[in-house]
């Protein structure tokens, strides 16, 4: 794996975090990374495992299931205000950026916040869709905190679905939730 190793590890850790709040849900989080050099990462994690994985994250990064955000350029209060405006708006496109070799689109549709980024010069495409309820739960932390545990519970309530897809010349990354224990 090349310079993407931190990204892949972040997806795996995020995946472990997302996967683990409701043991009776029968849901599994899957992460697949296929690189053109032949390297492959396959993670199949039962939702019930994440609760224990969260407890292993060092306290300076995660305390009681919450991330502290005191060094961000936007304050949590500003993020929550912006999120409320997004939530209250009708389904629509919020941001579109089109350049010669790159396009970005951020929009709200059918209960999801969606982001697509296409970088033609790198032949890369990123697609993210996050249920609005998951963002609500994430922002339910107090003060300077994001509530990871609440976001995981909200994701479990949403059930099956695609979360992240990244395709490019060097690799393919897919993150999704379903009820199949070992998915390809």
C-alpha atoms as a PDB file:
ATOM      1  CA  UNK A   1       0.000   0.000   0.000  1.00  0.00           C
ATOM      2  CA  UNK A   2       1.230   3.433  -0.876  1.00  0.00           C
ATOM      3  CA  UNK A   3       0.483   6.863   0.498  1.00  0.00           C
ATOM      4  CA  UNK A   4      -3.129   5.801   0.948  1.00  0.00           C
ATOM      5  CA  UNK A   5      -2.286   3.638   3.961  1.00  0.00           C
ATOM      6  CA  UNK A   6      -3.472   6.277   6.500  1.00  0.00           C
ATOM      7  CA  UNK A   7      -6.706   6.689   4.525  1.00  0.00           C
ATOM      8  CA  UNK A   8      -7.310   2.952   4.429  1.00  0.00           C
ATOM      9  CA  UNK A   9      -6.567   2.619   8.129  1.00  0.00           C
ATOM     10  CA  UNK A  10      -8.925   5.515   8.846  1.00  0.00           C
ATOM     11  CA  UNK A  11     -11.689   3.733   6.906  1.00  0.00           C
ATOM     12  CA  UNK A  12     -11.043   0.559   8.879  1.00  0.00           C
ATOM     13  CA  UNK A  13     -11.110   2.355  12.233  1.00  0.00           C
ATOM     14  CA  UNK A  14     -14.200   4.314  11.176  1.00  0.00           C
ATOM     15  CA  UNK A  15     -15.743   1.090  10.025  1.00  0.00           C
ATOM     16  CA  UNK A  16     -15.043  -0.579  13.330  1.00  0.00           C
ATOM     17  CA  UNK A  17     -16.575   2.404  15.075  1.00  0.00           C
ATOM     18  CA  UNK A  18     -19.651   2.453  12.878  1.00  0.00           C
ATOM     19  CA  UNK A  19     -20.230  -1.247  13.113  1.00  0.00           C
ATOM     20  CA  UNK A  20     -20.659  -1.786  16.799  1.00  0.00           C
ATOM     21  CA  UNK A  21     -23.625  -0.646  18.777  1.00  0.00           C
ATOM     22  CA  UNK A  22     -26.492  -3.103  18.432  1.00  0.00           C
ATOM     23  CA  UNK A  23     -25.636  -6.754  18.813  1.00  0.00           C
ATOM     24  CA  UNK A  24     -29.140  -7.936  17.981  1.00  0.00           C
ATOM     25  CA  UNK A  25     -29.315  -5.970  14.732  1.00  0.00           C
ATOM     26  CA  UNK A  26     -27.728  -8.662  12.572  1.00  0.00           C
ATOM     27  CA  UNK A  27     -25.945  -5.946  10.604  1.00  0.00           C
ATOM     28  CA  UNK A  28     -22.368  -6.102   9.431  1.00  0.00           C
ATOM     29  CA  UNK A  29     -20.067  -3.345   8.324  1.00  0.00           C
ATOM     30  CA  UNK A  30     -17.897  -4.156   5.328  1.00  0.00           C
ATOM     31  CA  UNK A  31     -14.806  -2.383   4.067  1.00  0.00           C
ATOM     32  CA  UNK A  32     -13.124  -3.472   0.844  1.00  0.00           C
ATOM     33  CA  UNK A  33      -9.936  -1.995  -0.539  1.00  0.00           C
ATOM     34  CA  UNK A  34      -8.525  -3.390  -3.772  1.00  0.00           C
ATOM     35  CA  UNK A  35      -5.294  -1.858  -5.028  1.00  0.00           C
ATOM     36  CA  UNK A  36      -3.899  -2.274  -8.529  1.00  0.00           C
ATOM     37  CA  UNK A  37      -0.650  -3.664  -7.096  1.00  0.00           C
ATOM     38  CA  UNK A  38      -2.664  -6.680  -5.918  1.00  0.00           C
ATOM     39  CA  UNK A  39      -3.009  -5.658  -2.261  1.00  0.00           C
ATOM     40  CA  UNK A  40      -6.466  -6.298  -0.833  1.00  0.00           C
ATOM     41  CA  UNK A  41      -8.100  -5.426   2.465  1.00  0.00           C
ATOM     42  CA  UNK A  42     -11.387  -7.084   3.410  1.00  0.00           C
ATOM     43  CA  UNK A  43     -13.039  -6.256   6.711  1.00  0.00           C
ATOM     44  CA  UNK A  44     -16.311  -7.848   7.815  1.00  0.00           C
ATOM     45  CA  UNK A  45     -17.266  -6.612  11.274  1.00  0.00           C
ATOM     46  CA  UNK A  46     -20.440  -7.455  13.153  1.00  0.00           C
ATOM     47  CA  UNK A  47     -22.152  -4.384  14.510  1.00  0.00           C
ATOM     48  CA  UNK A  48     -21.854  -5.837  18.001  1.00  0.00           C
ATOM     49  CA  UNK A  49     -18.045  -5.681  17.877  1.00  0.00           C
ATOM     50  CA  UNK A  50     -17.668  -1.925  17.578  1.00  0.00           C
ATOM     51  CA  UNK A  51     -18.706  -1.061  21.087  1.00  0.00           C
ATOM     52  CA  UNK A  52     -15.675  -2.940  22.322  1.00  0.00           C
ATOM     53  CA  UNK A  53     -13.452  -1.449  19.611  1.00  0.00           C
ATOM     54  CA  UNK A  54     -14.458   2.081  20.632  1.00  0.00           C
ATOM     55  CA  UNK A  55     -13.295   1.359  24.172  1.00  0.00           C
ATOM     56  CA  UNK A  56      -9.798   0.660  22.776  1.00  0.00           C
ATOM     57  CA  UNK A  57      -9.364   4.099  21.197  1.00  0.00           C
ATOM     58  CA  UNK A  58      -6.948   6.195  23.287  1.00  0.00           C
ATOM     59  CA  UNK A  59      -8.722   8.700  25.517  1.00  0.00           C
ATOM     60  CA  UNK A  60      -6.963  11.701  23.960  1.00  0.00           C
ATOM     61  CA  UNK A  61      -8.922  10.937  20.767  1.00  0.00           C
ATOM     62  CA  UNK A  62     -12.202   9.616  22.099  1.00  0.00           C
ATOM     63  CA  UNK A  63     -13.705  10.052  25.566  1.00  0.00           C
ATOM     64  CA  UNK A  64     -16.867   8.204  26.566  1.00  0.00           C
ATOM     65  CA  UNK A  65     -17.804   7.656  22.915  1.00  0.00           C
ATOM     66  CA  UNK A  66     -17.325  11.308  21.984  1.00  0.00           C
ATOM     67  CA  UNK A  67     -14.657  13.099  19.944  1.00  0.00           C
ATOM     68  CA  UNK A  68     -13.504  16.468  21.295  1.00  0.00           C
ATOM     69  CA  UNK A  69     -13.119  19.106  18.546  1.00  0.00           C
ATOM     70  CA  UNK A  70     -11.377  22.063  20.100  1.00  0.00           C
ATOM     71  CA  UNK A  71      -8.905  22.691  17.248  1.00  0.00           C
ATOM     72  CA  UNK A  72     -11.246  22.833  14.257  1.00  0.00           C
ATOM     73  CA  UNK A  73     -11.631  26.016  12.233  1.00  0.00           C
ATOM     74  CA  UNK A  74     -15.399  25.902  12.717  1.00  0.00           C
ATOM     75  CA  UNK A  75     -16.720  25.647  16.234  1.00  0.00           C
ATOM     76  CA  UNK A  76     -19.160  22.846  17.017  1.00  0.00           C
ATOM     77  CA  UNK A  77     -21.824  25.528  17.555  1.00  0.00           C
ATOM     78  CA  UNK A  78     -21.210  26.859  14.017  1.00  0.00           C
ATOM     79  CA  UNK A  79     -21.336  23.333  12.600  1.00  0.00           C
ATOM     80  CA  UNK A  80     -24.602  22.663  14.433  1.00  0.00           C
ATOM     81  CA  UNK A  81     -26.090  25.945  13.107  1.00  0.00           C
ATOM     82  CA  UNK A  82     -25.067  25.122   9.562  1.00  0.00           C
ATOM     83  CA  UNK A  83     -26.405  21.586   9.926  1.00  0.00           C
ATOM     84  CA  UNK A  84     -29.764  22.898  11.147  1.00  0.00           C
ATOM     85  CA  UNK A  85     -30.015  25.066   8.013  1.00  0.00           C
ATOM     86  CA  UNK A  86     -29.172  22.093   5.800  1.00  0.00           C
ATOM     87  CA  UNK A  87     -31.690  19.890   7.603  1.00  0.00           C
ATOM     88  CA  UNK A  88     -34.440  22.498   7.342  1.00  0.00           C
ATOM     89  CA  UNK A  89     -33.877  23.089   3.630  1.00  0.00           C
ATOM     90  CA  UNK A  90     -35.673  21.157   0.897  1.00  0.00           C
ATOM     91  CA  UNK A  91     -33.839  18.488  -1.079  1.00  0.00           C
ATOM     92  CA  UNK A  92     -31.410  20.476  -3.202  1.00  0.00           C
ATOM     93  CA  UNK A  93     -27.830  20.918  -4.353  1.00  0.00           C
ATOM     94  CA  UNK A  94     -25.820  23.115  -1.979  1.00  0.00           C
ATOM     95  CA  UNK A  95     -22.436  23.193  -3.682  1.00  0.00           C
ATOM     96  CA  UNK A  96     -21.329  22.573  -7.234  1.00  0.00           C
ATOM     97  CA  UNK A  97     -17.753  23.203  -8.314  1.00  0.00           C
ATOM     98  CA  UNK A  98     -16.725  22.484 -11.876  1.00  0.00           C
ATOM     99  CA  UNK A  99     -13.197  22.971 -13.093  1.00  0.00           C
ATOM    100  CA  UNK A 100     -11.310  21.577 -16.074  1.00  0.00           C
ATOM    101  CA  UNK A 101     -10.350  18.322 -14.370  1.00  0.00           C
ATOM    102  CA  UNK A 102     -12.415  18.262 -11.178  1.00  0.00           C
ATOM    103  CA  UNK A 103     -16.018  18.490 -10.110  1.00  0.00           C
ATOM    104  CA  UNK A 104     -17.591  18.505  -6.673  1.00  0.00           C
ATOM    105  CA  UNK A 105     -21.259  18.277  -5.784  1.00  0.00           C
ATOM    106  CA  UNK A 106     -22.807  18.357  -2.288  1.00  0.00           C
ATOM    107  CA  UNK A 107     -26.553  17.904  -1.953  1.00  0.00           C
ATOM    108  CA  UNK A 108     -29.415  16.665   0.170  1.00  0.00           C
ATOM    109  CA  UNK A 109     -31.752  14.055  -1.259  1.00  0.00           C
ATOM    110  CA  UNK A 110     -34.294  11.601   0.177  1.00  0.00           C
ATOM    111  CA  UNK A 111     -32.963  11.671   3.749  1.00  0.00           C
ATOM    112  CA  UNK A 112     -29.266  11.644   2.828  1.00  0.00           C
ATOM    113  CA  UNK A 113     -26.442  14.145   2.636  1.00  0.00           C
ATOM    114  CA  UNK A 114     -24.476  13.216  -0.481  1.00  0.00           C
ATOM    115  CA  UNK A 115     -21.064  14.222  -1.758  1.00  0.00           C
ATOM    116  CA  UNK A 116     -19.529  13.338  -5.126  1.00  0.00           C
ATOM    117  CA  UNK A 117     -16.023  14.343  -6.120  1.00  0.00           C
ATOM    118  CA  UNK A 118     -14.573  13.515  -9.522  1.00  0.00           C
ATOM    119  CA  UNK A 119     -10.925  14.198 -10.341  1.00  0.00           C
ATOM    120  CA  UNK A 120     -10.542  13.359 -14.007  1.00  0.00           C
ATOM    121  CA  UNK A 121      -6.770  13.933 -14.161  1.00  0.00           C
ATOM    122  CA  UNK A 122      -6.335  11.276 -11.460  1.00  0.00           C
ATOM    123  CA  UNK A 123      -9.254   9.181 -12.745  1.00  0.00           C
ATOM    124  CA  UNK A 124     -10.727   9.207  -9.227  1.00  0.00           C
ATOM    125  CA  UNK A 125     -14.315   9.286  -8.086  1.00  0.00           C
ATOM    126  CA  UNK A 126     -15.512   9.595  -4.474  1.00  0.00           C
ATOM    127  CA  UNK A 127     -19.152   9.029  -3.546  1.00  0.00           C
ATOM    128  CA  UNK A 128     -20.387   9.465   0.013  1.00  0.00           C
ATOM    129  CA  UNK A 129     -23.926   9.228   1.287  1.00  0.00           C
ATOM    130  CA  UNK A 130     -24.719   9.697   4.945  1.00  0.00           C
ATOM    131  CA  UNK A 131     -28.210   9.376   6.416  1.00  0.00           C
ATOM    132  CA  UNK A 132     -29.346  12.710   7.880  1.00  0.00           C
ATOM    133  CA  UNK A 133     -30.206  10.979  11.158  1.00  0.00           C
ATOM    134  CA  UNK A 134     -26.603   9.852  11.534  1.00  0.00           C
ATOM    135  CA  UNK A 135     -25.328  13.434  11.191  1.00  0.00           C
ATOM    136  CA  UNK A 136     -27.981  14.598  13.668  1.00  0.00           C
ATOM    137  CA  UNK A 137     -26.807  12.000  16.163  1.00  0.00           C
ATOM    138  CA  UNK A 138     -23.140  12.822  15.579  1.00  0.00           C
ATOM    139  CA  UNK A 139     -23.820  16.484  16.334  1.00  0.00           C
ATOM    140  CA  UNK A 140     -25.802  15.649  19.478  1.00  0.00           C
ATOM    141  CA  UNK A 141     -22.660  15.868  21.610  1.00  0.00           C
ATOM    142  CA  UNK A 142     -22.404  18.712  24.089  1.00  0.00           C
ATOM    143  CA  UNK A 143     -20.093  21.681  23.825  1.00  0.00           C
ATOM    144  CA  UNK A 144     -17.006  20.792  21.787  1.00  0.00           C
ATOM    145  CA  UNK A 145     -17.882  17.121  21.291  1.00  0.00           C
ATOM    146  CA  UNK A 146     -19.122  14.904  18.478  1.00  0.00           C
ATOM    147  CA  UNK A 147     -21.164  11.947  19.695  1.00  0.00           C
ATOM    148  CA  UNK A 148     -19.775   8.864  17.920  1.00  0.00           C
ATOM    149  CA  UNK A 149     -21.832   6.400  19.968  1.00  0.00           C
ATOM    150  CA  UNK A 150     -25.091   8.132  19.036  1.00  0.00           C
ATOM    151  CA  UNK A 151     -24.041   8.238  15.371  1.00  0.00           C
ATOM    152  CA  UNK A 152     -23.388   4.495  15.405  1.00  0.00           C
ATOM    153  CA  UNK A 153     -26.786   3.800  16.973  1.00  0.00           C
ATOM    154  CA  UNK A 154     -28.428   5.996  14.313  1.00  0.00           C
ATOM    155  CA  UNK A 155     -26.584   4.146  11.555  1.00  0.00           C
ATOM    156  CA  UNK A 156     -27.824   0.840  12.950  1.00  0.00           C
ATOM    157  CA  UNK A 157     -31.378   2.234  12.916  1.00  0.00           C
ATOM    158  CA  UNK A 158     -30.938   3.172   9.239  1.00  0.00           C
ATOM    159  CA  UNK A 159     -30.058  -0.404   8.346  1.00  0.00           C
ATOM    160  CA  UNK A 160     -28.435  -1.589   5.148  1.00  0.00           C
ATOM    161  CA  UNK A 161     -26.852   0.709   2.602  1.00  0.00           C
ATOM    162  CA  UNK A 162     -23.802   2.073   0.810  1.00  0.00           C
ATOM    163  CA  UNK A 163     -21.775   4.688   2.672  1.00  0.00           C
ATOM    164  CA  UNK A 164     -18.563   5.350   0.752  1.00  0.00           C
ATOM    165  CA  UNK A 165     -17.235   4.355  -2.652  1.00  0.00           C
ATOM    166  CA  UNK A 166     -13.866   5.505  -3.949  1.00  0.00           C
ATOM    167  CA  UNK A 167     -12.615   4.423  -7.367  1.00  0.00           C
ATOM    168  CA  UNK A 168      -9.423   5.375  -9.115  1.00  0.00           C
ATOM    169  CA  UNK A 169      -6.525   4.066 -11.136  1.00  0.00           C
ATOM    170  CA  UNK A 170      -4.683   2.847  -8.030  1.00  0.00           C
ATOM    171  CA  UNK A 171      -7.475   1.442  -5.864  1.00  0.00           C
ATOM    172  CA  UNK A 172     -11.121   0.836  -5.171  1.00  0.00           C
ATOM    173  CA  UNK A 173     -12.581   1.399  -1.704  1.00  0.00           C
ATOM    174  CA  UNK A 174     -16.105   0.485  -0.681  1.00  0.00           C
ATOM    175  CA  UNK A 175     -17.756   0.854   2.757  1.00  0.00           C
ATOM    176  CA  UNK A 176     -21.283  -0.470   3.286  1.00  0.00           C
ATOM    177  CA  UNK A 177     -23.644  -2.028   5.811  1.00  0.00           C
ATOM    178  CA  UNK A 178     -25.731  -5.146   5.227  1.00  0.00           C
ATOM    179  CA  UNK A 179     -26.888  -8.340   6.911  1.00  0.00           C
ATOM    180  CA  UNK A 180     -24.384 -10.682   5.246  1.00  0.00           C
ATOM    181  CA  UNK A 181     -21.587 -11.890   7.509  1.00  0.00           C
ATOM    182  CA  UNK A 182     -18.901 -12.304   4.883  1.00  0.00           C
ATOM    183  CA  UNK A 183     -19.478 -10.285   1.763  1.00  0.00           C
ATOM    184  CA  UNK A 184     -17.297 -10.009  -1.325  1.00  0.00           C
END
